[in-house]
């Protein structure tokens, strides 16, 4: 069983990265820019969190 709030903590860093990408651009993550054009921000944040978890 996971502790309460784990999902929100896991999505915190990707949400920050998405906010940064919206302001400054995400040239090194073109898939993220493409996803943000057709998906809500929270969905893109979870996708980014999953991708970061796979790379770790």
N, C-alpha and C. Protein backbone atom coordinates (compact mmCIF):
# COMPACT_ATOMS: atom_id res chain seq x y z
N UNK A 1 0.84 -1.17 0.00
CA UNK A 1 0.00 0.00 0.00
C UNK A 1 0.89 1.24 0.00
N UNK A 2 0.55 2.20 -0.83
CA UNK A 2 1.36 3.41 -0.89
C UNK A 2 0.83 4.46 0.07
N UNK A 3 1.71 5.30 0.57
CA UNK A 3 1.25 6.35 1.48
C UNK A 3 0.37 7.37 0.76
N UNK A 4 -0.47 8.01 1.51
CA UNK A 4 -1.36 9.01 0.95
C UNK A 4 -0.55 10.17 0.39
N UNK A 5 -0.92 10.64 -0.79
CA UNK A 5 -0.24 11.79 -1.39
C UNK A 5 0.96 11.44 -2.23
N UNK A 6 1.26 10.17 -2.42
CA UNK A 6 2.42 9.78 -3.20
C UNK A 6 2.32 10.25 -4.64
N UNK A 7 1.13 10.12 -5.22
CA UNK A 7 0.95 10.52 -6.61
C UNK A 7 1.18 12.01 -6.79
N UNK A 8 0.67 12.81 -5.88
CA UNK A 8 0.84 14.25 -6.02
C UNK A 8 2.30 14.65 -5.87
N UNK A 9 3.05 13.97 -4.99
CA UNK A 9 4.47 14.26 -4.84
C UNK A 9 5.24 13.81 -6.08
N UNK A 10 4.84 12.69 -6.66
CA UNK A 10 5.53 12.18 -7.84
C UNK A 10 5.30 13.07 -9.04
N UNK A 11 4.17 13.76 -9.09
CA UNK A 11 3.86 14.63 -10.22
C UNK A 11 4.32 16.07 -9.99
N UNK A 12 4.89 16.36 -8.84
CA UNK A 12 5.30 17.72 -8.52
C UNK A 12 6.46 18.19 -9.40
N UNK A 13 7.51 17.41 -9.49
CA UNK A 13 8.67 17.79 -10.29
C UNK A 13 8.33 17.88 -11.77
N UNK A 14 7.62 16.90 -12.35
CA UNK A 14 7.25 17.03 -13.76
C UNK A 14 6.35 18.25 -14.02
N UNK A 15 5.49 18.59 -13.06
CA UNK A 15 4.65 19.78 -13.23
C UNK A 15 5.52 21.03 -13.29
N UNK A 16 6.55 21.07 -12.46
CA UNK A 16 7.48 22.20 -12.50
C UNK A 16 8.20 22.25 -13.84
N UNK A 17 8.64 21.11 -14.35
CA UNK A 17 9.32 21.07 -15.63
C UNK A 17 8.40 21.53 -16.77
N UNK A 18 7.13 21.16 -16.68
CA UNK A 18 6.17 21.57 -17.71
C UNK A 18 5.94 23.08 -17.64
N UNK A 19 5.82 23.61 -16.42
CA UNK A 19 5.65 25.06 -16.26
C UNK A 19 6.86 25.79 -16.84
N UNK A 20 8.05 25.30 -16.58
CA UNK A 20 9.28 25.88 -17.11
C UNK A 20 9.30 25.79 -18.64
N UNK A 21 8.87 24.64 -19.17
CA UNK A 21 8.87 24.45 -20.62
C UNK A 21 7.89 25.39 -21.31
N UNK A 22 6.75 25.66 -20.67
CA UNK A 22 5.78 26.58 -21.26
C UNK A 22 6.33 28.00 -21.32
N UNK A 23 7.14 28.38 -20.33
CA UNK A 23 7.69 29.73 -20.29
C UNK A 23 8.91 29.86 -21.20
N UNK A 24 9.84 28.91 -21.10
CA UNK A 24 11.12 29.02 -21.77
C UNK A 24 11.26 28.15 -23.01
N UNK A 25 10.34 27.26 -23.25
CA UNK A 25 10.43 26.34 -24.38
C UNK A 25 11.07 25.03 -23.98
N UNK A 26 10.74 23.99 -24.71
CA UNK A 26 11.27 22.66 -24.41
C UNK A 26 11.93 22.10 -25.65
N UNK A 27 12.99 22.74 -26.07
CA UNK A 27 13.69 22.32 -27.28
C UNK A 27 14.32 20.95 -27.17
N UNK A 28 14.75 20.57 -25.97
CA UNK A 28 15.40 19.27 -25.78
C UNK A 28 14.39 18.16 -25.51
N UNK A 29 13.10 18.50 -25.38
CA UNK A 29 12.04 17.50 -25.20
C UNK A 29 10.90 17.78 -26.19
N UNK A 30 11.12 17.52 -27.47
CA UNK A 30 10.08 17.84 -28.46
C UNK A 30 8.80 17.03 -28.26
N UNK A 31 8.90 15.82 -27.72
CA UNK A 31 7.71 15.01 -27.48
C UNK A 31 6.82 15.68 -26.44
N UNK A 32 7.43 16.38 -25.46
CA UNK A 32 6.66 17.06 -24.43
C UNK A 32 5.91 18.25 -25.02
N UNK A 33 6.57 18.99 -25.89
CA UNK A 33 5.91 20.12 -26.55
C UNK A 33 4.74 19.63 -27.38
N UNK A 34 4.93 18.52 -28.09
CA UNK A 34 3.84 17.97 -28.90
C UNK A 34 2.69 17.49 -28.03
N UNK A 35 3.01 16.86 -26.91
CA UNK A 35 1.96 16.35 -26.03
C UNK A 35 1.16 17.50 -25.41
N UNK A 36 1.83 18.59 -25.07
CA UNK A 36 1.14 19.73 -24.46
C UNK A 36 0.16 20.40 -25.42
N UNK A 37 0.34 20.20 -26.71
CA UNK A 37 -0.59 20.80 -27.68
C UNK A 37 -1.91 20.05 -27.74
N UNK A 38 -1.92 18.75 -27.39
CA UNK A 38 -3.16 17.99 -27.53
C UNK A 38 -3.59 17.25 -26.27
N UNK A 39 -2.89 17.43 -25.16
CA UNK A 39 -3.29 16.80 -23.89
C UNK A 39 -3.30 17.85 -22.78
N UNK A 40 -4.13 17.64 -21.75
CA UNK A 40 -4.10 18.55 -20.60
C UNK A 40 -2.75 18.48 -19.87
N UNK A 41 -2.44 19.53 -19.13
CA UNK A 41 -1.16 19.63 -18.44
C UNK A 41 -0.95 18.48 -17.46
N UNK A 42 -1.97 18.10 -16.72
CA UNK A 42 -1.83 17.03 -15.74
C UNK A 42 -1.51 15.69 -16.40
N UNK A 43 -2.10 15.42 -17.55
CA UNK A 43 -1.81 14.17 -18.27
C UNK A 43 -0.37 14.18 -18.75
N UNK A 44 0.09 15.31 -19.26
CA UNK A 44 1.48 15.42 -19.69
C UNK A 44 2.43 15.27 -18.51
N UNK A 45 2.04 15.79 -17.35
CA UNK A 45 2.89 15.66 -16.15
C UNK A 45 3.03 14.21 -15.73
N UNK A 46 1.95 13.45 -15.78
CA UNK A 46 2.02 12.03 -15.42
C UNK A 46 2.85 11.27 -16.44
N UNK A 47 2.70 11.61 -17.72
CA UNK A 47 3.52 10.95 -18.75
C UNK A 47 5.00 11.25 -18.54
N UNK A 48 5.31 12.50 -18.19
CA UNK A 48 6.70 12.86 -17.92
C UNK A 48 7.22 12.15 -16.67
N UNK A 49 6.40 12.04 -15.64
CA UNK A 49 6.80 11.32 -14.43
C UNK A 49 7.08 9.86 -14.74
N UNK A 50 6.24 9.24 -15.56
CA UNK A 50 6.47 7.84 -15.95
C UNK A 50 7.75 7.70 -16.74
N UNK A 51 8.01 8.63 -17.65
CA UNK A 51 9.23 8.55 -18.45
C UNK A 51 10.47 8.73 -17.58
N UNK A 52 10.41 9.68 -16.62
CA UNK A 52 11.54 9.88 -15.72
C UNK A 52 11.76 8.66 -14.83
N UNK A 53 10.68 8.01 -14.41
CA UNK A 53 10.80 6.82 -13.57
C UNK A 53 11.43 5.66 -14.36
N UNK A 54 11.08 5.54 -15.62
CA UNK A 54 11.67 4.47 -16.45
C UNK A 54 13.16 4.70 -16.68
N UNK A 55 13.55 5.98 -16.76
CA UNK A 55 14.97 6.27 -17.01
C UNK A 55 15.83 6.10 -15.76
N UNK A 56 15.21 6.15 -14.59
CA UNK A 56 15.98 6.05 -13.33
C UNK A 56 16.40 4.64 -13.03
